[in-house]
Amino acid sequence: MMTDTGKAAASAAQNSRAFEIAARVGFVVLGIVHIVIGGIAISVAQGAGGEADQSGAMQQVASLPFGVLLLWIIALGLFALAIWQVTEAFLERDPDTKKKWGHRVKYVGTAIAYLSIGITSLVYALGGSSDSDQSSQTLSAQILAAPGGVFLLVLVGLVILGVGIAFVYRGATQRFAKHLSLPGDPVRKGILTLGTVGYVAKGIAIGVVGVLWIVASLTNDPEKAGGLDAALKSLAELPFGTVLLWLVGAGLIVYGAYCFARAKYARM
C-alpha cells in the first residue's frame, strides 16, 4: 500500500508548475530522440551505417553544436518525466484493485524506460559512450547462465513482445487519446493520426526486440539478443525488409512529432 507521505509528496510534485513544465520538456526531448533514431533507421535502410537506438541518437546529438548542452537538457527532461510517471503510480485511484495495480506497473515501467534513456544521455553528456546491443547480449548471457535461465530469458522476451503488442494496440485503437486534452478539428485529427502511426511503428520495433530475446533463449545463444538497433537492422534481412525498415523509421519520426504535440496537450 502506498504511504500517505509518499502520496503527499507525489501530489505536491504534480501541483508544482515548474515540475509540470520540466515534464512537458521531457516529452519534447523524447520526440527529438525518436526523430533521430527514425532518421538513422532510414539511413540504414538506404545502406548507410549508424546505430538506430538511443545510443546512436545520443552520438548524433553530441556531434551537434551545443550538443553537450542538449544532452543535459534531454537527460534532465527525461528524469523529470520519469519522476512524473512515478507520481502517477502513487496517485492512481482506480477503484478496481487489479486495474489500479496494473496501471501502477505500467507507470513504473514507463518511468524505468525514460530513466534508461536519460541515463544514456547523461553518459554521453559526461563524455562517455554505451552500446545497447552489447549490454543486451551481456545481460542475456548472465540470465542464461542462471538456474532456469532459458525460461527466464523467454519470459523477458515475452514481456518485451507484450509491450510492443500493447503499443500497436494502443495506436490502432487510439487509446492514447484519453491521456490528451485535444482541441477541435483539424488539429485533433492530425494529432490522432500522428499518434496512431507512431504508436504502431514503435510497437513493431519493440516487438522485434522481444522476438530476438526469445530466439536467443531457444537457441541458447546470447548473441542473438539485442536492443533496438539489432531489432531494426534485423528487419532489413526480411523479404522487402528495406522497405519495412524505411517505413518503421518514418513511423518513429512520426512518433517523435506526436511527442511534440503530447508536450502541449498531455493531461498532467
C-alpha atoms as a PDB file:
ATOM      1  CA  MET A   1       0.000   0.000   0.000  1.00  0.00           C
ATOM      2  CA  MET A   2       1.270   3.466  -0.890  1.00  0.00           C
ATOM      3  CA  THR A   3       2.103   5.523   2.220  1.00  0.00           C
ATOM      4  CA  ASP A   4       0.352   8.798   2.992  1.00  0.00           C
ATOM      5  CA  THR A   5       3.757  10.521   2.982  1.00  0.00           C
ATOM      6  CA  GLY A   6       4.527   9.193  -0.487  1.00  0.00           C
ATOM      7  CA  LYS A   7       1.129  10.273  -1.807  1.00  0.00           C
ATOM      8  CA  ALA A   8       1.553  13.732  -0.281  1.00  0.00           C
ATOM      9  CA  ALA A   9       4.976  14.104  -1.911  1.00  0.00           C
ATOM     10  CA  ALA A  10       3.613  12.893  -5.255  1.00  0.00           C
ATOM     11  CA  SER A  11       0.677  15.296  -5.044  1.00  0.00           C
ATOM     12  CA  ALA A  12       2.986  18.200  -4.198  1.00  0.00           C
ATOM     13  CA  ALA A  13       5.159  17.365  -7.201  1.00  0.00           C
ATOM     14  CA  GLN A  14       2.187  17.225  -9.563  1.00  0.00           C
ATOM     15  CA  ASN A  15       0.899  20.561  -8.248  1.00  0.00           C
ATOM     16  CA  SER A  16       4.237  22.209  -8.987  1.00  0.00           C
ATOM     17  CA  ARG A  17       4.031  24.343 -12.131  1.00  0.00           C
ATOM     18  CA  ALA A  18       7.805  24.265 -12.585  1.00  0.00           C
ATOM     19  CA  PHE A  19       7.852  20.474 -12.374  1.00  0.00           C
ATOM     20  CA  GLU A  20       4.996  20.202 -14.881  1.00  0.00           C
ATOM     21  CA  ILE A  21       6.930  22.379 -17.328  1.00  0.00           C
ATOM     22  CA  ALA A  22      10.016  20.185 -16.856  1.00  0.00           C
ATOM     23  CA  ALA A  23       7.935  17.072 -17.553  1.00  0.00           C
ATOM     24  CA  ARG A  24       6.478  18.635 -20.708  1.00  0.00           C
ATOM     25  CA  VAL A  25      10.010  19.441 -21.833  1.00  0.00           C
ATOM     26  CA  GLY A  26      10.635  15.735 -21.291  1.00  0.00           C
ATOM     27  CA  PHE A  27       8.077  14.916 -23.983  1.00  0.00           C
ATOM     28  CA  VAL A  28       9.817  17.348 -26.344  1.00  0.00           C
ATOM     29  CA  VAL A  29      13.233  15.758 -25.865  1.00  0.00           C
ATOM     30  CA  LEU A  30      11.671  12.298 -26.126  1.00  0.00           C
ATOM     31  CA  GLY A  31      10.371  13.402 -29.505  1.00  0.00           C
ATOM     32  CA  ILE A  32      13.842  14.558 -30.544  1.00  0.00           C
ATOM     33  CA  VAL A  33      15.343  11.194 -29.590  1.00  0.00           C
ATOM     34  CA  HIS A  34      12.748   9.259 -31.617  1.00  0.00           C
ATOM     35  CA  ILE A  35      13.162  11.524 -34.640  1.00  0.00           C
ATOM     36  CA  VAL A  36      16.923  10.981 -34.593  1.00  0.00           C
ATOM     37  CA  ILE A  37      16.516   7.191 -34.188  1.00  0.00           C
ATOM     38  CA  GLY A  38      13.995   7.139 -37.038  1.00  0.00           C
ATOM     39  CA  GLY A  39      16.377   9.121 -39.231  1.00  0.00           C
ATOM     40  CA  ILE A  40      19.215   6.692 -38.522  1.00  0.00           C
ATOM     41  CA  ALA A  41      16.920   3.743 -39.311  1.00  0.00           C
ATOM     42  CA  ILE A  42      16.080   5.280 -42.688  1.00  0.00           C
ATOM     43  CA  SER A  43      19.777   5.873 -43.406  1.00  0.00           C
ATOM     44  CA  VAL A  44      20.482   2.217 -42.537  1.00  0.00           C
ATOM     45  CA  ALA A  45      17.696   1.175 -44.919  1.00  0.00           C
ATOM     46  CA  GLN A  46      19.461   3.182 -47.614  1.00  0.00           C
ATOM     47  CA  GLY A  47      22.745   1.373 -46.979  1.00  0.00           C
ATOM     48  CA  ALA A  48      24.439   3.780 -44.579  1.00  0.00           C
ATOM     49  CA  GLY A  49      25.808   2.858 -41.141  1.00  0.00           C
ATOM     50  CA  GLY A  50      24.880   4.023 -37.684  1.00  0.00           C
ATOM     51  CA  GLU A  51      23.248   2.729 -34.521  1.00  0.00           C
ATOM     52  CA  ALA A  52      19.450   3.047 -34.726  1.00  0.00           C
ATOM     53  CA  ASP A  53      18.829   3.237 -30.980  1.00  0.00           C
ATOM     54  CA  GLN A  54      19.186   5.671 -28.083  1.00  0.00           C
ATOM     55  CA  SER A  55      22.985   5.291 -28.063  1.00  0.00           C
ATOM     56  CA  GLY A  56      23.171   6.166 -31.748  1.00  0.00           C
ATOM     57  CA  ALA A  57      20.792   9.061 -31.205  1.00  0.00           C
ATOM     58  CA  MET A  58      22.975  10.447 -28.401  1.00  0.00           C
ATOM     59  CA  GLN A  59      26.058  10.132 -30.615  1.00  0.00           C
ATOM     60  CA  GLN A  60      24.295  12.215 -33.253  1.00  0.00           C
ATOM     61  CA  VAL A  61      23.191  14.817 -30.709  1.00  0.00           C
ATOM     62  CA  ALA A  62      26.691  15.004 -29.197  1.00  0.00           C
ATOM     63  CA  SER A  63      28.132  15.866 -32.633  1.00  0.00           C
ATOM     64  CA  LEU A  64      25.902  18.944 -32.961  1.00  0.00           C
ATOM     65  CA  PRO A  65      26.914  22.482 -31.966  1.00  0.00           C
ATOM     66  CA  PHE A  66      25.975  22.838 -28.286  1.00  0.00           C
ATOM     67  CA  GLY A  67      25.358  19.082 -28.372  1.00  0.00           C
ATOM     68  CA  VAL A  68      26.574  18.556 -24.800  1.00  0.00           C
ATOM     69  CA  LEU A  69      24.125  21.186 -23.548  1.00  0.00           C
ATOM     70  CA  LEU A  70      21.310  19.488 -25.455  1.00  0.00           C
ATOM     71  CA  LEU A  71      22.311  16.130 -23.956  1.00  0.00           C
ATOM     72  CA  TRP A  72      21.985  17.626 -20.464  1.00  0.00           C
ATOM     73  CA  ILE A  73      18.562  19.014 -21.360  1.00  0.00           C
ATOM     74  CA  ILE A  74      17.497  15.606 -22.717  1.00  0.00           C
ATOM     75  CA  ALA A  75      18.697  13.867 -19.551  1.00  0.00           C
ATOM     76  CA  LEU A  76      17.017  16.319 -17.168  1.00  0.00           C
ATOM     77  CA  GLY A  77      13.782  16.373 -19.172  1.00  0.00           C
ATOM     78  CA  LEU A  78      13.554  12.583 -19.201  1.00  0.00           C
ATOM     79  CA  PHE A  79      14.389  12.359 -15.495  1.00  0.00           C
ATOM     80  CA  ALA A  80      11.543  14.797 -14.806  1.00  0.00           C
ATOM     81  CA  LEU A  81       9.236  12.716 -16.996  1.00  0.00           C
ATOM     82  CA  ALA A  82      10.275   9.555 -15.132  1.00  0.00           C
ATOM     83  CA  ILE A  83       9.528  11.162 -11.774  1.00  0.00           C
ATOM     84  CA  TRP A  84       6.168  12.319 -13.112  1.00  0.00           C
ATOM     85  CA  GLN A  85       5.282   8.739 -14.041  1.00  0.00           C
ATOM     86  CA  VAL A  86       6.206   7.599 -10.531  1.00  0.00           C
ATOM     87  CA  THR A  87       3.896  10.250  -9.059  1.00  0.00           C
ATOM     88  CA  GLU A  88       1.123   8.929 -11.308  1.00  0.00           C
ATOM     89  CA  ALA A  89       1.726   5.483  -9.804  1.00  0.00           C
ATOM     90  CA  PHE A  90       1.426   6.882  -6.275  1.00  0.00           C
ATOM     91  CA  LEU A  91      -1.759   8.795  -7.084  1.00  0.00           C
ATOM     92  CA  GLU A  92      -3.542   6.077  -9.108  1.00  0.00           C
ATOM     93  CA  ARG A  93      -7.103   5.840  -7.757  1.00  0.00           C
ATOM     94  CA  ASP A  94      -8.891   3.291  -9.947  1.00  0.00           C
ATOM     95  CA  PRO A  95     -11.484   1.577  -7.679  1.00  0.00           C
ATOM     96  CA  ASP A  96     -10.749  -1.787  -9.318  1.00  0.00           C
ATOM     97  CA  THR A  97      -7.735  -3.154  -7.414  1.00  0.00           C
ATOM     98  CA  LYS A  98      -6.419  -5.231 -10.323  1.00  0.00           C
ATOM     99  CA  LYS A  99      -6.661  -2.309 -12.756  1.00  0.00           C
ATOM    100  CA  LYS A 100      -5.136   0.046 -10.200  1.00  0.00           C
ATOM    101  CA  TRP A 101      -2.041  -2.112  -9.754  1.00  0.00           C
ATOM    102  CA  GLY A 102      -1.906  -2.772 -13.491  1.00  0.00           C
ATOM    103  CA  HIS A 103      -1.787   0.969 -14.086  1.00  0.00           C
ATOM    104  CA  ARG A 104       0.874   1.352 -11.410  1.00  0.00           C
ATOM    105  CA  VAL A 105       3.058  -1.294 -13.044  1.00  0.00           C
ATOM    106  CA  LYS A 106       2.651   0.476 -16.388  1.00  0.00           C
ATOM    107  CA  TYR A 107       3.600   3.852 -14.903  1.00  0.00           C
ATOM    108  CA  VAL A 108       6.669   2.445 -13.157  1.00  0.00           C
ATOM    109  CA  GLY A 109       7.708   0.527 -16.282  1.00  0.00           C
ATOM    110  CA  THR A 110       7.400   3.697 -18.359  1.00  0.00           C
ATOM    111  CA  ALA A 111       9.412   5.597 -15.748  1.00  0.00           C
ATOM    112  CA  ILE A 112      12.190   2.995 -15.982  1.00  0.00           C
ATOM    113  CA  ALA A 113      12.233   3.347 -19.786  1.00  0.00           C
ATOM    114  CA  TYR A 114      12.502   7.152 -19.551  1.00  0.00           C
ATOM    115  CA  LEU A 115      15.177   6.835 -16.872  1.00  0.00           C
ATOM    116  CA  SER A 116      17.181   4.441 -19.037  1.00  0.00           C
ATOM    117  CA  ILE A 117      17.235   6.841 -21.993  1.00  0.00           C
ATOM    118  CA  GLY A 118      18.010   9.737 -19.657  1.00  0.00           C
ATOM    119  CA  ILE A 119      20.979   7.871 -18.186  1.00  0.00           C
ATOM    120  CA  THR A 120      22.281   7.140 -21.691  1.00  0.00           C
ATOM    121  CA  SER A 121      22.060  10.853 -22.483  1.00  0.00           C
ATOM    122  CA  LEU A 122      23.856  11.698 -19.229  1.00  0.00           C
ATOM    123  CA  VAL A 123      26.653   9.224 -20.029  1.00  0.00           C
ATOM    124  CA  TYR A 124      27.264  10.948 -23.370  1.00  0.00           C
ATOM    125  CA  ALA A 125      26.986  14.408 -21.804  1.00  0.00           C
ATOM    126  CA  LEU A 126      29.793  13.417 -19.424  1.00  0.00           C
ATOM    127  CA  GLY A 127      31.951  12.267 -22.333  1.00  0.00           C
ATOM    128  CA  GLY A 128      31.257   8.530 -22.110  1.00  0.00           C
ATOM    129  CA  SER A 129      29.613   6.098 -24.510  1.00  0.00           C
ATOM    130  CA  SER A 130      27.459   2.970 -24.429  1.00  0.00           C
ATOM    131  CA  ASP A 131      26.412   0.073 -26.646  1.00  0.00           C
ATOM    132  CA  SER A 132      22.849  -1.087 -26.032  1.00  0.00           C
ATOM    133  CA  ASP A 133      23.222  -4.227 -28.170  1.00  0.00           C
ATOM    134  CA  GLN A 134      26.342  -5.287 -26.269  1.00  0.00           C
ATOM    135  CA  SER A 135      24.598  -4.577 -22.976  1.00  0.00           C
ATOM    136  CA  SER A 136      21.624  -6.684 -24.069  1.00  0.00           C
ATOM    137  CA  GLN A 137      23.875  -9.571 -25.066  1.00  0.00           C
ATOM    138  CA  THR A 138      25.796  -9.406 -21.787  1.00  0.00           C
ATOM    139  CA  LEU A 139      22.569  -9.374 -19.792  1.00  0.00           C
ATOM    140  CA  SER A 140      21.104 -12.275 -21.783  1.00  0.00           C
ATOM    141  CA  ALA A 141      24.291 -14.313 -21.224  1.00  0.00           C
ATOM    142  CA  GLN A 142      24.047 -13.695 -17.486  1.00  0.00           C
ATOM    143  CA  ILE A 143      20.384 -14.746 -17.468  1.00  0.00           C
ATOM    144  CA  LEU A 144      21.119 -17.922 -19.472  1.00  0.00           C
ATOM    145  CA  ALA A 145      23.864 -18.844 -17.015  1.00  0.00           C
ATOM    146  CA  ALA A 146      21.451 -18.632 -14.070  1.00  0.00           C
ATOM    147  CA  PRO A 147      19.308 -21.579 -12.909  1.00  0.00           C
ATOM    148  CA  GLY A 148      16.256 -21.720 -15.154  1.00  0.00           C
ATOM    149  CA  GLY A 149      17.953 -19.183 -17.406  1.00  0.00           C
ATOM    150  CA  VAL A 150      16.260 -20.306 -20.625  1.00  0.00           C
ATOM    151  CA  PHE A 151      12.814 -19.950 -19.029  1.00  0.00           C
ATOM    152  CA  LEU A 152      13.716 -16.528 -17.616  1.00  0.00           C
ATOM    153  CA  LEU A 153      15.033 -15.310 -20.968  1.00  0.00           C
ATOM    154  CA  VAL A 154      11.878 -16.498 -22.739  1.00  0.00           C
ATOM    155  CA  LEU A 155       9.857 -14.670 -20.097  1.00  0.00           C
ATOM    156  CA  VAL A 156      11.821 -11.449 -20.660  1.00  0.00           C
ATOM    157  CA  GLY A 157      11.313 -11.782 -24.405  1.00  0.00           C
ATOM    158  CA  LEU A 158       7.585 -12.370 -23.986  1.00  0.00           C
ATOM    159  CA  VAL A 159       7.274  -9.328 -21.720  1.00  0.00           C
ATOM    160  CA  ILE A 160       9.070  -7.125 -24.265  1.00  0.00           C
ATOM    161  CA  LEU A 161       6.954  -8.592 -27.059  1.00  0.00           C
ATOM    162  CA  GLY A 162       3.850  -7.892 -24.973  1.00  0.00           C
ATOM    163  CA  VAL A 163       4.895  -4.259 -24.576  1.00  0.00           C
ATOM    164  CA  GLY A 164       5.299  -3.996 -28.333  1.00  0.00           C
ATOM    165  CA  ILE A 165       1.848  -5.502 -28.917  1.00  0.00           C
ATOM    166  CA  ALA A 166       0.415  -3.078 -26.354  1.00  0.00           C
ATOM    167  CA  PHE A 167       1.885  -0.137 -28.291  1.00  0.00           C
ATOM    168  CA  VAL A 168       0.380  -1.415 -31.539  1.00  0.00           C
ATOM    169  CA  TYR A 169      -2.994  -1.936 -29.848  1.00  0.00           C
ATOM    170  CA  ARG A 170      -2.893   1.496 -28.233  1.00  0.00           C
ATOM    171  CA  GLY A 171      -2.138   3.080 -31.580  1.00  0.00           C
ATOM    172  CA  ALA A 172      -4.680   1.102 -33.605  1.00  0.00           C
ATOM    173  CA  THR A 173      -7.477   1.812 -31.108  1.00  0.00           C
ATOM    174  CA  GLN A 174      -6.294   5.373 -30.345  1.00  0.00           C
ATOM    175  CA  ARG A 175      -6.477   4.632 -26.623  1.00  0.00           C
ATOM    176  CA  PHE A 176      -3.622   7.088 -26.145  1.00  0.00           C
ATOM    177  CA  ALA A 177      -6.112   9.893 -26.773  1.00  0.00           C
ATOM    178  CA  LYS A 178      -7.620   9.553 -23.282  1.00  0.00           C
ATOM    179  CA  HIS A 179      -4.397  10.999 -21.868  1.00  0.00           C
ATOM    180  CA  LEU A 180      -4.678  14.129 -24.019  1.00  0.00           C
ATOM    181  CA  SER A 181      -6.761  17.294 -23.855  1.00  0.00           C
ATOM    182  CA  LEU A 182      -7.257  17.740 -27.568  1.00  0.00           C
ATOM    183  CA  PRO A 183      -8.550  20.826 -29.389  1.00  0.00           C
ATOM    184  CA  GLY A 184     -11.131  20.646 -32.163  1.00  0.00           C
ATOM    185  CA  ASP A 185     -10.598  19.528 -35.739  1.00  0.00           C
ATOM    186  CA  PRO A 186      -8.486  19.656 -37.851  1.00  0.00           C
ATOM    187  CA  VAL A 187      -5.741  19.757 -35.177  1.00  0.00           C
ATOM    188  CA  ARG A 188      -7.384  16.887 -33.283  1.00  0.00           C
ATOM    189  CA  LYS A 189      -7.436  14.630 -36.354  1.00  0.00           C
ATOM    190  CA  GLY A 190      -3.830  15.477 -37.133  1.00  0.00           C
ATOM    191  CA  ILE A 191      -2.626  14.579 -33.636  1.00  0.00           C
ATOM    192  CA  LEU A 192      -4.642  11.350 -33.623  1.00  0.00           C
ATOM    193  CA  THR A 193      -3.091  10.376 -36.967  1.00  0.00           C
ATOM    194  CA  LEU A 194       0.409  11.086 -35.666  1.00  0.00           C
ATOM    195  CA  GLY A 195      -0.281   9.028 -32.553  1.00  0.00           C
ATOM    196  CA  THR A 196      -1.769   6.098 -34.445  1.00  0.00           C
ATOM    197  CA  VAL A 197       1.112   5.811 -36.910  1.00  0.00           C
ATOM    198  CA  GLY A 198       3.748   6.498 -34.261  1.00  0.00           C
ATOM    199  CA  TYR A 199       2.482   4.003 -31.690  1.00  0.00           C
ATOM    200  CA  VAL A 200       2.135   1.220 -34.270  1.00  0.00           C
ATOM    201  CA  ALA A 201       5.659   1.817 -35.632  1.00  0.00           C
ATOM    202  CA  LYS A 202       7.191   1.896 -32.164  1.00  0.00           C
ATOM    203  CA  GLY A 203       5.252  -1.215 -31.192  1.00  0.00           C
ATOM    204  CA  ILE A 204       6.660  -3.104 -34.182  1.00  0.00           C
ATOM    205  CA  ALA A 205      10.204  -2.065 -33.260  1.00  0.00           C
ATOM    206  CA  ILE A 206       9.793  -3.096 -29.602  1.00  0.00           C
ATOM    207  CA  GLY A 207       8.095  -6.339 -30.606  1.00  0.00           C
ATOM    208  CA  VAL A 208      11.051  -7.345 -32.770  1.00  0.00           C
ATOM    209  CA  VAL A 209      13.359  -6.765 -29.774  1.00  0.00           C
ATOM    210  CA  GLY A 210      11.226  -9.244 -27.820  1.00  0.00           C
ATOM    211  CA  VAL A 211      11.418 -11.786 -30.645  1.00  0.00           C
ATOM    212  CA  LEU A 212      15.225 -11.503 -30.670  1.00  0.00           C
ATOM    213  CA  TRP A 213      15.359 -12.283 -26.947  1.00  0.00           C
ATOM    214  CA  ILE A 214      13.088 -15.289 -27.410  1.00  0.00           C
ATOM    215  CA  VAL A 215      15.270 -16.549 -30.274  1.00  0.00           C
ATOM    216  CA  ALA A 216      18.359 -16.095 -28.060  1.00  0.00           C
ATOM    217  CA  SER A 217      16.764 -18.274 -25.378  1.00  0.00           C
ATOM    218  CA  LEU A 218      15.586 -21.014 -27.760  1.00  0.00           C
ATOM    219  CA  THR A 219      18.984 -21.220 -29.488  1.00  0.00           C
ATOM    220  CA  ASN A 220      20.883 -20.768 -26.200  1.00  0.00           C
ATOM    221  CA  ASP A 221      22.880 -18.051 -27.960  1.00  0.00           C
ATOM    222  CA  PRO A 222      23.039 -14.703 -26.089  1.00  0.00           C
ATOM    223  CA  GLU A 223      24.495 -13.024 -29.166  1.00  0.00           C
ATOM    224  CA  LYS A 224      21.094 -13.369 -30.820  1.00  0.00           C
ATOM    225  CA  ALA A 225      19.668 -10.954 -28.252  1.00  0.00           C
ATOM    226  CA  GLY A 226      19.909  -7.284 -28.989  1.00  0.00           C
ATOM    227  CA  GLY A 227      18.424  -3.894 -28.438  1.00  0.00           C
ATOM    228  CA  LEU A 228      16.527  -1.578 -30.735  1.00  0.00           C
ATOM    229  CA  ASP A 229      19.424  -1.235 -33.176  1.00  0.00           C
ATOM    230  CA  ALA A 230      19.660  -5.008 -33.695  1.00  0.00           C
ATOM    231  CA  ALA A 231      15.882  -5.248 -33.970  1.00  0.00           C
ATOM    232  CA  LEU A 232      15.614  -2.611 -36.671  1.00  0.00           C
ATOM    233  CA  LYS A 233      18.556  -3.981 -38.622  1.00  0.00           C
ATOM    234  CA  SER A 234      17.055  -7.475 -38.460  1.00  0.00           C
ATOM    235  CA  LEU A 235      14.017  -6.097 -40.287  1.00  0.00           C
ATOM    236  CA  ALA A 236      16.270  -5.292 -43.242  1.00  0.00           C
ATOM    237  CA  GLU A 237      17.054  -9.014 -43.606  1.00  0.00           C
ATOM    238  CA  LEU A 238      13.401  -9.905 -44.219  1.00  0.00           C
ATOM    239  CA  PRO A 239      11.753 -10.049 -47.659  1.00  0.00           C
ATOM    240  CA  PHE A 240      11.028  -6.405 -48.581  1.00  0.00           C
ATOM    241  CA  GLY A 241      12.962  -5.636 -45.378  1.00  0.00           C
ATOM    242  CA  THR A 242      14.465  -2.421 -46.696  1.00  0.00           C
ATOM    243  CA  VAL A 243      11.012  -1.029 -47.363  1.00  0.00           C
ATOM    244  CA  LEU A 244       9.782  -2.243 -43.969  1.00  0.00           C
ATOM    245  CA  LEU A 245      12.762  -0.685 -42.161  1.00  0.00           C
ATOM    246  CA  TRP A 246      12.196   2.572 -44.031  1.00  0.00           C
ATOM    247  CA  LEU A 247       8.525   2.584 -43.005  1.00  0.00           C
ATOM    248  CA  VAL A 248       9.297   1.828 -39.349  1.00  0.00           C
ATOM    249  CA  GLY A 249      11.961   4.535 -39.334  1.00  0.00           C
ATOM    250  CA  ALA A 250       9.486   7.010 -40.797  1.00  0.00           C
ATOM    251  CA  GLY A 251       6.939   5.844 -38.212  1.00  0.00           C
ATOM    252  CA  LEU A 252       9.395   6.558 -35.382  1.00  0.00           C
ATOM    253  CA  ILE A 253       9.850  10.065 -36.770  1.00  0.00           C
ATOM    254  CA  VAL A 254       6.070  10.436 -36.755  1.00  0.00           C
ATOM    255  CA  TYR A 255       6.042   9.214 -33.127  1.00  0.00           C
ATOM    256  CA  GLY A 256       8.588  11.908 -32.348  1.00  0.00           C
ATOM    257  CA  ALA A 257       6.284  14.521 -33.888  1.00  0.00           C
ATOM    258  CA  TYR A 258       3.439  13.116 -31.788  1.00  0.00           C
ATOM    259  CA  CYS A 259       5.598  13.575 -28.672  1.00  0.00           C
ATOM    260  CA  PHE A 260       5.854  17.288 -29.528  1.00  0.00           C
ATOM    261  CA  ALA A 261       2.056  17.508 -29.646  1.00  0.00           C
ATOM    262  CA  ARG A 262       1.857  15.465 -26.430  1.00  0.00           C
ATOM    263  CA  ALA A 263       4.095  18.019 -24.714  1.00  0.00           C
ATOM    264  CA  LYS A 264       1.393  20.626 -25.265  1.00  0.00           C
ATOM    265  CA  TYR A 265      -1.789  18.601 -24.906  1.00  0.00           C
ATOM    266  CA  ALA A 266      -0.949  15.890 -22.332  1.00  0.00           C
ATOM    267  CA  ARG A 267      -3.194  15.814 -19.280  1.00  0.00           C
ATOM    268  CA  MET A 268      -0.874  16.408 -16.361  1.00  0.00           C
END
